[in-house]
Amino acid sequence: MTSKLAYTIPEAAAAYGVSHNVIRAHIKAGNLVARYPTSRPVIGADELKAWFDSLPSEYVT
């Protein structure tokens, strides 16, 4: 089985258990880099993993 190289925004959201809006907000903030091979953005699998790994491990209020 081969692993995915890139994810659409809906796929990324589903894979990481967040909403589409969270993914879009992090793209807009510059925390995630989207690439545009077509008119739809995709996010590299390595980019998504690095973003997820950089998130805090605890919720801080």
N, C-alpha and C. Protein backbone atom coordinates (compact mmCIF):
# COMPACT_ATOMS: atom_id res chain seq x y z
N MET A 1 0.84 -1.18 0.00
CA MET A 1 0.00 0.00 0.00
C MET A 1 0.88 1.24 0.00
N THR A 2 0.57 2.18 -0.85
CA THR A 2 1.33 3.43 -0.89
C THR A 2 0.64 4.47 -0.03
N SER A 3 1.44 5.36 0.54
CA SER A 3 0.86 6.41 1.37
C SER A 3 0.56 7.63 0.50
N LYS A 4 -0.39 8.42 0.94
CA LYS A 4 -0.75 9.63 0.22
C LYS A 4 0.38 10.63 0.28
N LEU A 5 0.59 11.35 -0.80
CA LEU A 5 1.61 12.39 -0.83
C LEU A 5 1.03 13.75 -0.52
N ALA A 6 -0.26 13.95 -0.83
CA ALA A 6 -0.90 15.24 -0.60
C ALA A 6 -2.38 15.04 -0.30
N TYR A 7 -2.95 16.00 0.41
CA TYR A 7 -4.34 15.95 0.83
C TYR A 7 -5.06 17.22 0.41
N THR A 8 -6.31 17.07 -0.01
CA THR A 8 -7.16 18.24 -0.21
C THR A 8 -7.54 18.75 1.18
N ILE A 9 -8.13 19.92 1.24
CA ILE A 9 -8.55 20.46 2.55
C ILE A 9 -9.54 19.53 3.24
N PRO A 10 -10.58 19.04 2.57
CA PRO A 10 -11.49 18.10 3.25
C PRO A 10 -10.80 16.82 3.72
N GLU A 11 -9.88 16.29 2.92
CA GLU A 11 -9.15 15.08 3.31
C GLU A 11 -8.25 15.35 4.51
N ALA A 12 -7.58 16.49 4.51
CA ALA A 12 -6.70 16.84 5.63
C ALA A 12 -7.51 17.01 6.91
N ALA A 13 -8.66 17.66 6.79
CA ALA A 13 -9.52 17.86 7.96
C ALA A 13 -9.98 16.52 8.52
N ALA A 14 -10.40 15.63 7.66
CA ALA A 14 -10.86 14.32 8.10
C ALA A 14 -9.72 13.51 8.70
N ALA A 15 -8.55 13.56 8.08
CA ALA A 15 -7.41 12.78 8.55
C ALA A 15 -6.95 13.21 9.94
N TYR A 16 -7.08 14.50 10.24
CA TYR A 16 -6.59 15.01 11.52
C TYR A 16 -7.71 15.36 12.50
N GLY A 17 -8.93 15.06 12.14
CA GLY A 17 -10.05 15.21 13.07
C GLY A 17 -10.39 16.66 13.41
N VAL A 18 -10.21 17.55 12.44
CA VAL A 18 -10.55 18.96 12.65
C VAL A 18 -11.49 19.39 11.52
N SER A 19 -12.03 20.59 11.64
CA SER A 19 -12.94 21.08 10.61
C SER A 19 -12.15 21.67 9.43
N HIS A 20 -12.85 21.84 8.33
CA HIS A 20 -12.25 22.49 7.16
C HIS A 20 -11.78 23.90 7.53
N ASN A 21 -12.58 24.55 8.39
CA ASN A 21 -12.25 25.93 8.78
C ASN A 21 -10.93 26.00 9.54
N VAL A 22 -10.62 25.01 10.33
CA VAL A 22 -9.35 24.99 11.06
C VAL A 22 -8.19 24.89 10.07
N ILE A 23 -8.31 24.01 9.11
CA ILE A 23 -7.26 23.86 8.10
C ILE A 23 -7.10 25.17 7.32
N ARG A 24 -8.20 25.75 6.88
CA ARG A 24 -8.15 27.00 6.13
C ARG A 24 -7.54 28.13 6.95
N ALA A 25 -7.89 28.20 8.23
CA ALA A 25 -7.35 29.24 9.10
C ALA A 25 -5.84 29.11 9.26
N HIS A 26 -5.35 27.88 9.37
CA HIS A 26 -3.91 27.67 9.51
C HIS A 26 -3.18 27.95 8.20
N ILE A 27 -3.82 27.71 7.08
CA ILE A 27 -3.23 28.09 5.79
C ILE A 27 -3.13 29.61 5.72
N LYS A 28 -4.22 30.28 6.06
CA LYS A 28 -4.26 31.75 6.01
C LYS A 28 -3.23 32.37 6.95
N ALA A 29 -3.04 31.75 8.11
CA ALA A 29 -2.08 32.26 9.10
C ALA A 29 -0.63 31.93 8.74
N GLY A 30 -0.45 31.09 7.73
CA GLY A 30 0.90 30.73 7.32
C GLY A 30 1.48 29.54 8.06
N ASN A 31 0.65 28.85 8.85
CA ASN A 31 1.12 27.68 9.59
C ASN A 31 1.15 26.42 8.73
N LEU A 32 0.37 26.42 7.67
CA LEU A 32 0.32 25.32 6.70
C LEU A 32 0.53 25.91 5.32
N VAL A 33 1.30 25.23 4.50
CA VAL A 33 1.55 25.69 3.13
C VAL A 33 0.71 24.85 2.18
N ALA A 34 -0.16 25.53 1.45
CA ALA A 34 -0.96 24.85 0.43
C ALA A 34 -0.30 25.07 -0.93
N ARG A 35 -0.37 24.06 -1.75
CA ARG A 35 0.14 24.13 -3.13
C ARG A 35 -1.05 24.04 -4.08
N TYR A 36 -0.90 24.59 -5.24
CA TYR A 36 -2.01 24.68 -6.18
C TYR A 36 -1.67 24.04 -7.52
N PRO A 37 -1.66 22.70 -7.61
CA PRO A 37 -1.41 22.06 -8.90
C PRO A 37 -2.59 22.28 -9.87
N THR A 38 -3.75 22.53 -9.31
CA THR A 38 -4.95 22.90 -10.07
C THR A 38 -5.56 24.08 -9.32
N SER A 39 -6.81 24.36 -9.54
CA SER A 39 -7.45 25.47 -8.82
C SER A 39 -7.74 25.12 -7.36
N ARG A 40 -7.65 23.83 -7.01
CA ARG A 40 -7.90 23.40 -5.62
C ARG A 40 -6.58 23.23 -4.88
N PRO A 41 -6.50 23.78 -3.68
CA PRO A 41 -5.26 23.63 -2.91
C PRO A 41 -5.09 22.21 -2.38
N VAL A 42 -3.85 21.77 -2.30
CA VAL A 42 -3.50 20.52 -1.64
C VAL A 42 -2.37 20.81 -0.66
N ILE A 43 -2.28 19.97 0.35
CA ILE A 43 -1.26 20.13 1.38
C ILE A 43 -0.46 18.84 1.42
N GLY A 44 0.84 18.97 1.36
CA GLY A 44 1.71 17.80 1.38
C GLY A 44 1.59 17.04 2.69
N ALA A 45 1.71 15.72 2.61
CA ALA A 45 1.59 14.87 3.79
C ALA A 45 2.64 15.24 4.84
N ASP A 46 3.87 15.50 4.40
CA ASP A 46 4.93 15.89 5.34
C ASP A 46 4.62 17.22 6.00
N GLU A 47 4.05 18.15 5.23
CA GLU A 47 3.66 19.46 5.76
C GLU A 47 2.59 19.30 6.83
N LEU A 48 1.59 18.47 6.56
CA LEU A 48 0.53 18.23 7.54
C LEU A 48 1.06 17.61 8.82
N LYS A 49 1.94 16.64 8.68
CA LYS A 49 2.51 15.99 9.87
C LYS A 49 3.33 16.97 10.69
N ALA A 50 4.13 17.80 10.03
CA ALA A 50 4.94 18.79 10.74
C ALA A 50 4.04 19.81 11.46
N TRP A 51 2.96 20.23 10.80
CA TRP A 51 2.01 21.15 11.42
C TRP A 51 1.39 20.51 12.66
N PHE A 52 0.91 19.27 12.50
CA PHE A 52 0.27 18.58 13.62
C PHE A 52 1.24 18.39 14.78
N ASP A 53 2.46 18.00 14.47
CA ASP A 53 3.47 17.79 15.52
C ASP A 53 3.83 19.08 16.24
N SER A 54 3.63 20.23 15.59
CA SER A 54 3.97 21.51 16.21
C SER A 54 2.87 22.03 17.13
N LEU A 55 1.69 21.42 17.07
CA LEU A 55 0.58 21.87 17.91
C LEU A 55 0.84 21.51 19.37
N PRO A 56 0.31 22.31 20.29
CA PRO A 56 0.49 21.99 21.71
C PRO A 56 -0.13 20.65 22.08
N SER A 57 0.47 19.97 23.03
CA SER A 57 -0.06 18.67 23.45
C SER A 57 -1.10 18.80 24.55
N GLU A 58 -1.26 19.99 25.09
CA GLU A 58 -2.28 20.25 26.11
C GLU A 58 -3.04 21.50 25.76
N TYR A 59 -4.32 21.53 26.16
CA TYR A 59 -5.11 22.73 25.98
C TYR A 59 -4.81 23.68 27.12
N VAL A 60 -4.39 24.86 26.79
CA VAL A 60 -4.04 25.86 27.81
C VAL A 60 -5.04 27.00 27.73
N THR A 61 -5.61 27.34 28.89
CA THR A 61 -6.59 28.42 28.91
C THR A 61 -5.96 29.71 29.36
